[in-house]
Amino acid sequence: MLNIKTFEVNPLQENCYVVSDDTNDCIIIDCGALYEEERHAIINYIKSNNLSPTHLLATHGHFDHNFGNDTIFEAFGLKPEIHADDAPLIADIAQQCNMMGMGLEYNRTTPPVGHLLSDGEIITFGTHSLKVIHTPGHSQGGVVFYCKEEKTLFTGDTLFRMSVGRTDLPGGSWSELMDSLEEKIAKLPSETVAYPGHGPKTLLHEEFRMNPYFN
């Protein structure tokens, strides 16, 4: 059984997930913790529950999903794992902040990428595994992580509850995002629970039926 702890962090209300199982191994998905209290909350949760982090995964390279990577690296020695097409994005989070013009300051040293993810790759931790599914559109290197055993999907900014991610940022593509939805997400079991990068979790069968972006 997966234990999924959600931390809503930074001004963009991004969802950072700490996912563990009965072995106490865990993975961290999209650590966007910007402020010290957010960083401390995640570290304290991991340590107080005696969890052993094995992977720091990124669904894509945008700054709001990666602010806290340095804290995870300092605490546990984990480097971010991301698709190759988004590796250039994650390398300069400060510049991303400046380009967005949101007044957010980021002056930390981003840890180097530890592993480049590829489509179809299997990430294992404890007794569970996640399949990497490349879903470009929101960004060139966007991916989702699918746990077949638990019918659980971490969608980043590819899919939200009754919505989808924006495609007007550099590297975004509306046609690619629609292809990702139709050719990748829509082929997963309808009873799958989706945990997005922002907002509440949802069920795929509800998205297939009511989300206007699914044909």
C-alpha atoms as a PDB file:
ATOM      1  CA  MET A   1       0.000   0.000   0.000  1.00  0.00           C
ATOM      2  CA  LEU A   2       1.252   3.477  -0.863  1.00  0.00           C
ATOM      3  CA  ASN A   3       1.268   6.238   1.713  1.00  0.00           C
ATOM      4  CA  ILE A   4       1.016   9.587  -0.052  1.00  0.00           C
ATOM      5  CA  LYS A   5       1.703  12.776   1.877  1.00  0.00           C
ATOM      6  CA  THR A   6       0.977  16.037   0.071  1.00  0.00           C
ATOM      7  CA  PHE A   7       2.722  19.320   0.841  1.00  0.00           C
ATOM      8  CA  GLU A   8       1.252  22.405  -0.833  1.00  0.00           C
ATOM      9  CA  VAL A   9       4.165  24.780  -1.212  1.00  0.00           C
ATOM     10  CA  ASN A  10       5.365  28.133  -2.588  1.00  0.00           C
ATOM     11  CA  PRO A  11       3.156  30.978  -3.854  1.00  0.00           C
ATOM     12  CA  LEU A  12       1.991  28.901  -6.828  1.00  0.00           C
ATOM     13  CA  GLN A  13       0.522  26.282  -4.447  1.00  0.00           C
ATOM     14  CA  GLU A  14       2.472  23.426  -5.976  1.00  0.00           C
ATOM     15  CA  ASN A  15       1.978  19.881  -4.712  1.00  0.00           C
ATOM     16  CA  CYS A  16       5.096  18.124  -3.446  1.00  0.00           C
ATOM     17  CA  TYR A  17       4.504  14.435  -2.752  1.00  0.00           C
ATOM     18  CA  VAL A  18       6.363  12.148  -0.370  1.00  0.00           C
ATOM     19  CA  VAL A  19       5.368   8.605  -1.340  1.00  0.00           C
ATOM     20  CA  SER A  20       6.278   5.639   0.867  1.00  0.00           C
ATOM     21  CA  ASP A  21       5.264   2.043   1.463  1.00  0.00           C
ATOM     22  CA  ASP A  22       5.438  -0.475   4.301  1.00  0.00           C
ATOM     23  CA  THR A  23       9.210  -0.882   3.870  1.00  0.00           C
ATOM     24  CA  ASN A  24       9.636   2.813   4.817  1.00  0.00           C
ATOM     25  CA  ASP A  25      11.437   3.483   1.550  1.00  0.00           C
ATOM     26  CA  CYS A  26      10.105   6.659  -0.009  1.00  0.00           C
ATOM     27  CA  ILE A  27      10.405   8.867  -3.050  1.00  0.00           C
ATOM     28  CA  ILE A  28       9.946  12.616  -3.287  1.00  0.00           C
ATOM     29  CA  ILE A  29       8.122  13.994  -6.321  1.00  0.00           C
ATOM     30  CA  ASP A  30       8.388  17.659  -7.347  1.00  0.00           C
ATOM     31  CA  CYS A  31       9.965  19.299  -4.314  1.00  0.00           C
ATOM     32  CA  GLY A  32       8.878  22.873  -4.905  1.00  0.00           C
ATOM     33  CA  ALA A  33       9.392  23.980  -1.299  1.00  0.00           C
ATOM     34  CA  LEU A  34      10.607  27.590  -1.396  1.00  0.00           C
ATOM     35  CA  TYR A  35      10.342  28.906   2.154  1.00  0.00           C
ATOM     36  CA  GLU A  36      12.225  27.565   5.139  1.00  0.00           C
ATOM     37  CA  GLU A  37       9.110  26.414   6.967  1.00  0.00           C
ATOM     38  CA  GLU A  38       8.065  24.389   3.903  1.00  0.00           C
ATOM     39  CA  ARG A  39      11.488  22.809   3.595  1.00  0.00           C
ATOM     40  CA  HIS A  40      11.560  21.962   7.297  1.00  0.00           C
ATOM     41  CA  ALA A  41       8.060  20.446   7.167  1.00  0.00           C
ATOM     42  CA  ILE A  42       9.080  17.988   4.441  1.00  0.00           C
ATOM     43  CA  ILE A  43      12.355  17.013   6.107  1.00  0.00           C
ATOM     44  CA  ASN A  44      10.678  16.639   9.507  1.00  0.00           C
ATOM     45  CA  TYR A  45       7.945  14.426   8.036  1.00  0.00           C
ATOM     46  CA  ILE A  46      10.514  12.124   6.451  1.00  0.00           C
ATOM     47  CA  LYS A  47      12.700  11.895   9.545  1.00  0.00           C
ATOM     48  CA  SER A  48       9.890  11.610  12.100  1.00  0.00           C
ATOM     49  CA  ASN A  49       8.394   8.698  10.160  1.00  0.00           C
ATOM     50  CA  ASN A  50      11.786   6.991   9.797  1.00  0.00           C
ATOM     51  CA  LEU A  51      11.530   7.061   6.007  1.00  0.00           C
ATOM     52  CA  SER A  52      14.461   6.362   3.712  1.00  0.00           C
ATOM     53  CA  PRO A  53      14.355   8.517   0.551  1.00  0.00           C
ATOM     54  CA  THR A  54      15.643   6.722  -2.548  1.00  0.00           C
ATOM     55  CA  HIS A  55      14.658   9.038  -5.435  1.00  0.00           C
ATOM     56  CA  LEU A  56      14.012  12.747  -6.000  1.00  0.00           C
ATOM     57  CA  LEU A  57      11.788  12.801  -9.085  1.00  0.00           C
ATOM     58  CA  ALA A  58      10.698  15.767 -11.186  1.00  0.00           C
ATOM     59  CA  THR A  59       7.696  15.654 -13.496  1.00  0.00           C
ATOM     60  CA  HIS A  60       9.221  18.606 -15.374  1.00  0.00           C
ATOM     61  CA  GLY A  61      11.753  21.370 -15.030  1.00  0.00           C
ATOM     62  CA  HIS A  62       9.716  24.438 -14.104  1.00  0.00           C
ATOM     63  CA  PHE A  63      10.921  26.395 -11.103  1.00  0.00           C
ATOM     64  CA  ASP A  64       7.829  25.978  -8.933  1.00  0.00           C
ATOM     65  CA  HIS A  65       8.326  22.197  -8.935  1.00  0.00           C
ATOM     66  CA  ASN A  66      12.046  22.316  -8.123  1.00  0.00           C
ATOM     67  CA  PHE A  67      12.717  25.113  -5.622  1.00  0.00           C
ATOM     68  CA  GLY A  68      13.516  22.649  -2.841  1.00  0.00           C
ATOM     69  CA  ASN A  69      15.842  20.246  -4.617  1.00  0.00           C
ATOM     70  CA  ASP A  70      18.865  21.668  -2.835  1.00  0.00           C
ATOM     71  CA  THR A  71      17.340  20.920   0.570  1.00  0.00           C
ATOM     72  CA  ILE A  72      16.694  17.285  -0.376  1.00  0.00           C
ATOM     73  CA  PHE A  73      20.238  17.016  -1.706  1.00  0.00           C
ATOM     74  CA  GLU A  74      21.715  18.484   1.477  1.00  0.00           C
ATOM     75  CA  ALA A  75      19.608  16.315   3.792  1.00  0.00           C
ATOM     76  CA  PHE A  76      19.671  13.002   1.934  1.00  0.00           C
ATOM     77  CA  GLY A  77      22.244  13.250  -0.855  1.00  0.00           C
ATOM     78  CA  LEU A  78      19.641  12.802  -3.617  1.00  0.00           C
ATOM     79  CA  LYS A  79      20.028  14.573  -6.938  1.00  0.00           C
ATOM     80  CA  PRO A  80      16.980  15.331  -9.092  1.00  0.00           C
ATOM     81  CA  GLU A  81      15.922  12.870 -11.771  1.00  0.00           C
ATOM     82  CA  ILE A  82      14.295  14.462 -14.808  1.00  0.00           C
ATOM     83  CA  HIS A  83      13.681  13.840 -18.502  1.00  0.00           C
ATOM     84  CA  ALA A  84      16.585  14.913 -20.717  1.00  0.00           C
ATOM     85  CA  ASP A  85      14.458  17.442 -22.617  1.00  0.00           C
ATOM     86  CA  ASP A  86      13.874  19.435 -19.421  1.00  0.00           C
ATOM     87  CA  ALA A  87      17.394  19.172 -18.019  1.00  0.00           C
ATOM     88  CA  PRO A  88      18.314  22.656 -19.339  1.00  0.00           C
ATOM     89  CA  LEU A  89      15.327  24.150 -17.499  1.00  0.00           C
ATOM     90  CA  ILE A  90      16.198  22.726 -14.119  1.00  0.00           C
ATOM     91  CA  ALA A  91      19.780  23.953 -14.402  1.00  0.00           C
ATOM     92  CA  ASP A  92      18.871  27.627 -13.896  1.00  0.00           C
ATOM     93  CA  ILE A  93      15.869  28.092 -11.651  1.00  0.00           C
ATOM     94  CA  ALA A  94      16.836  31.681 -10.816  1.00  0.00           C
ATOM     95  CA  GLN A  95      16.664  32.697 -14.478  1.00  0.00           C
ATOM     96  CA  GLN A  96      13.267  31.080 -14.798  1.00  0.00           C
ATOM     97  CA  CYS A  97      12.040  33.178 -11.882  1.00  0.00           C
ATOM     98  CA  ASN A  98      13.384  36.330 -13.509  1.00  0.00           C
ATOM     99  CA  MET A  99      11.734  35.494 -16.832  1.00  0.00           C
ATOM    100  CA  MET A 100       8.363  34.983 -15.143  1.00  0.00           C
ATOM    101  CA  GLY A 101       8.603  38.397 -13.478  1.00  0.00           C
ATOM    102  CA  MET A 102       6.846  37.227 -10.322  1.00  0.00           C
ATOM    103  CA  GLY A 103       9.184  38.915  -7.865  1.00  0.00           C
ATOM    104  CA  LEU A 104      10.350  35.583  -6.442  1.00  0.00           C
ATOM    105  CA  GLU A 105      13.959  35.482  -5.311  1.00  0.00           C
ATOM    106  CA  TYR A 106      15.995  32.314  -5.614  1.00  0.00           C
ATOM    107  CA  ASN A 107      19.681  32.487  -4.763  1.00  0.00           C
ATOM    108  CA  ARG A 108      20.428  28.883  -3.857  1.00  0.00           C
ATOM    109  CA  THR A 109      22.731  26.477  -5.656  1.00  0.00           C
ATOM    110  CA  THR A 110      20.743  23.953  -7.647  1.00  0.00           C
ATOM    111  CA  PRO A 111      22.153  20.413  -7.377  1.00  0.00           C
ATOM    112  CA  PRO A 112      23.172  18.798 -10.668  1.00  0.00           C
ATOM    113  CA  VAL A 113      20.867  16.302 -12.326  1.00  0.00           C
ATOM    114  CA  GLY A 114      21.572  12.829 -11.019  1.00  0.00           C
ATOM    115  CA  HIS A 115      19.782  10.792 -13.663  1.00  0.00           C
ATOM    116  CA  LEU A 116      18.031  11.467 -16.956  1.00  0.00           C
ATOM    117  CA  LEU A 117      14.660   9.751 -17.181  1.00  0.00           C
ATOM    118  CA  SER A 118      13.470   8.058 -20.356  1.00  0.00           C
ATOM    119  CA  ASP A 119      10.026   7.072 -21.578  1.00  0.00           C
ATOM    120  CA  GLY A 120       9.033   3.631 -20.313  1.00  0.00           C
ATOM    121  CA  GLU A 121      11.698   3.501 -17.615  1.00  0.00           C
ATOM    122  CA  ILE A 122      10.768   1.803 -14.331  1.00  0.00           C
ATOM    123  CA  ILE A 123      11.615   3.501 -11.026  1.00  0.00           C
ATOM    124  CA  THR A 124      11.598   1.157  -8.043  1.00  0.00           C
ATOM    125  CA  PHE A 125      11.404   1.805  -4.309  1.00  0.00           C
ATOM    126  CA  GLY A 126      10.440  -0.537  -1.505  1.00  0.00           C
ATOM    127  CA  THR A 127       8.049  -3.096  -2.979  1.00  0.00           C
ATOM    128  CA  HIS A 128       6.599  -0.693  -5.551  1.00  0.00           C
ATOM    129  CA  SER A 129       7.498   0.618  -8.965  1.00  0.00           C
ATOM    130  CA  LEU A 130       6.608   3.643 -11.074  1.00  0.00           C
ATOM    131  CA  LYS A 131       6.601   3.746 -14.854  1.00  0.00           C
ATOM    132  CA  VAL A 132       7.896   6.917 -16.475  1.00  0.00           C
ATOM    133  CA  ILE A 133       5.577   8.088 -19.256  1.00  0.00           C
ATOM    134  CA  HIS A 134       6.783  10.983 -21.408  1.00  0.00           C
ATOM    135  CA  THR A 135       3.951  13.511 -21.822  1.00  0.00           C
ATOM    136  CA  PRO A 136       5.280  16.595 -23.631  1.00  0.00           C
ATOM    137  CA  GLY A 137       3.083  19.629 -24.095  1.00  0.00           C
ATOM    138  CA  HIS A 138       3.311  21.674 -20.914  1.00  0.00           C
ATOM    139  CA  SER A 139       7.070  21.384 -21.352  1.00  0.00           C
ATOM    140  CA  GLN A 140       9.226  19.404 -23.742  1.00  0.00           C
ATOM    141  CA  GLY A 141      10.390  16.966 -21.081  1.00  0.00           C
ATOM    142  CA  GLY A 142       7.220  16.589 -19.054  1.00  0.00           C
ATOM    143  CA  VAL A 143       6.548  13.124 -17.657  1.00  0.00           C
ATOM    144  CA  VAL A 144       3.983  11.408 -15.463  1.00  0.00           C
ATOM    145  CA  PHE A 145       4.688   8.576 -13.029  1.00  0.00           C
ATOM    146  CA  TYR A 146       2.324   5.596 -13.030  1.00  0.00           C
ATOM    147  CA  CYS A 147       2.075   2.926 -10.338  1.00  0.00           C
ATOM    148  CA  LYS A 148       0.224   0.009 -11.930  1.00  0.00           C
ATOM    149  CA  GLU A 149      -0.089  -1.982  -8.696  1.00  0.00           C
ATOM    150  CA  GLU A 150      -1.907   0.836  -6.915  1.00  0.00           C
ATOM    151  CA  LYS A 151      -3.535   2.444  -9.969  1.00  0.00           C
ATOM    152  CA  THR A 152      -1.978   5.749  -8.996  1.00  0.00           C
ATOM    153  CA  LEU A 153      -0.708   8.466 -11.340  1.00  0.00           C
ATOM    154  CA  PHE A 154       1.361  11.549 -10.567  1.00  0.00           C
ATOM    155  CA  THR A 155       0.599  13.948 -13.406  1.00  0.00           C
ATOM    156  CA  GLY A 156       2.642  17.072 -12.714  1.00  0.00           C
ATOM    157  CA  ASP A 157       1.243  19.877 -14.874  1.00  0.00           C
ATOM    158  CA  THR A 158       0.077  17.609 -17.697  1.00  0.00           C
ATOM    159  CA  LEU A 159      -3.337  17.037 -16.131  1.00  0.00           C
ATOM    160  CA  PHE A 160      -5.263  18.835 -13.394  1.00  0.00           C
ATOM    161  CA  ARG A 161      -8.729  18.164 -12.041  1.00  0.00           C
ATOM    162  CA  MET A 162     -11.010  19.190 -14.930  1.00  0.00           C
ATOM    163  CA  SER A 163      -8.180  21.078 -16.605  1.00  0.00           C
ATOM    164  CA  VAL A 164      -4.706  20.788 -18.117  1.00  0.00           C
ATOM    165  CA  GLY A 165      -1.403  22.614 -17.920  1.00  0.00           C
ATOM    166  CA  ARG A 166      -0.655  25.797 -19.837  1.00  0.00           C
ATOM    167  CA  THR A 167       1.267  25.589 -23.093  1.00  0.00           C
ATOM    168  CA  ASP A 168       2.309  29.222 -23.629  1.00  0.00           C
ATOM    169  CA  LEU A 169       5.683  28.924 -21.893  1.00  0.00           C
ATOM    170  CA  PRO A 170       8.900  28.207 -23.847  1.00  0.00           C
ATOM    171  CA  GLY A 171       8.864  24.583 -24.991  1.00  0.00           C
ATOM    172  CA  GLY A 172       5.104  24.262 -24.610  1.00  0.00           C
ATOM    173  CA  SER A 173       2.931  22.836 -27.380  1.00  0.00           C
ATOM    174  CA  TRP A 174      -0.856  22.572 -27.415  1.00  0.00           C
ATOM    175  CA  SER A 175      -0.871  19.846 -30.055  1.00  0.00           C
ATOM    176  CA  GLU A 176       1.690  17.783 -28.134  1.00  0.00           C
ATOM    177  CA  LEU A 177      -0.272  18.174 -24.907  1.00  0.00           C
ATOM    178  CA  MET A 178      -3.447  16.953 -26.616  1.00  0.00           C
ATOM    179  CA  ASP A 179      -1.506  13.987 -28.043  1.00  0.00           C
ATOM    180  CA  SER A 180      -0.166  13.201 -24.558  1.00  0.00           C
ATOM    181  CA  LEU A 181      -3.692  13.176 -23.155  1.00  0.00           C
ATOM    182  CA  GLU A 182      -5.185  11.081 -25.922  1.00  0.00           C
ATOM    183  CA  GLU A 183      -2.315   8.684 -26.602  1.00  0.00           C
ATOM    184  CA  LYS A 184      -0.898   8.270 -23.083  1.00  0.00           C
ATOM    185  CA  ILE A 185      -3.260   9.299 -20.275  1.00  0.00           C
ATOM    186  CA  ALA A 186      -6.485   8.132 -21.924  1.00  0.00           C
ATOM    187  CA  LYS A 187      -5.083   4.605 -22.295  1.00  0.00           C
ATOM    188  CA  LEU A 188      -4.594   4.116 -18.564  1.00  0.00           C
ATOM    189  CA  PRO A 189      -7.243   2.344 -16.449  1.00  0.00           C
ATOM    190  CA  SER A 190     -10.204   4.610 -15.741  1.00  0.00           C
ATOM    191  CA  GLU A 191     -10.146   3.778 -12.007  1.00  0.00           C
ATOM    192  CA  THR A 192      -6.670   5.340 -11.669  1.00  0.00           C
ATOM    193  CA  VAL A 193      -6.340   8.119  -9.098  1.00  0.00           C
ATOM    194  CA  ALA A 194      -4.426  11.122 -10.440  1.00  0.00           C
ATOM    195  CA  TYR A 195      -2.341  13.363  -8.191  1.00  0.00           C
ATOM    196  CA  PRO A 196      -1.610  16.606 -10.075  1.00  0.00           C
ATOM    197  CA  GLY A 197       1.051  19.252  -9.648  1.00  0.00           C
ATOM    198  CA  HIS A 198      -1.533  21.771  -8.450  1.00  0.00           C
ATOM    199  CA  GLY A 199      -4.969  21.337  -6.964  1.00  0.00           C
ATOM    200  CA  PRO A 200      -6.871  18.302  -5.656  1.00  0.00           C
ATOM    201  CA  LYS A 201      -6.536  14.694  -6.711  1.00  0.00           C
ATOM    202  CA  THR A 202      -9.035  13.265  -9.178  1.00  0.00           C
ATOM    203  CA  LEU A 203     -10.190  10.015 -10.775  1.00  0.00           C
ATOM    204  CA  LEU A 204      -9.375   9.384 -14.418  1.00  0.00           C
ATOM    205  CA  HIS A 205     -12.870   8.122 -15.179  1.00  0.00           C
ATOM    206  CA  GLU A 206     -14.240  11.508 -14.077  1.00  0.00           C
ATOM    207  CA  GLU A 207     -11.673  13.289 -16.246  1.00  0.00           C
ATOM    208  CA  PHE A 208     -12.503  11.120 -19.260  1.00  0.00           C
ATOM    209  CA  ARG A 209     -16.176  11.926 -18.779  1.00  0.00           C
ATOM    210  CA  MET A 210     -16.138  15.589 -17.773  1.00  0.00           C
ATOM    211  CA  ASN A 211     -12.782  17.202 -18.534  1.00  0.00           C
ATOM    212  CA  PRO A 212     -13.362  19.279 -21.693  1.00  0.00           C
ATOM    213  CA  TYR A 213      -9.837  18.574 -22.934  1.00  0.00           C
ATOM    214  CA  PHE A 214     -10.491  14.889 -23.445  1.00  0.00           C
ATOM    215  CA  ASN A 215     -12.266  14.109 -26.711  1.00  0.00           C
END
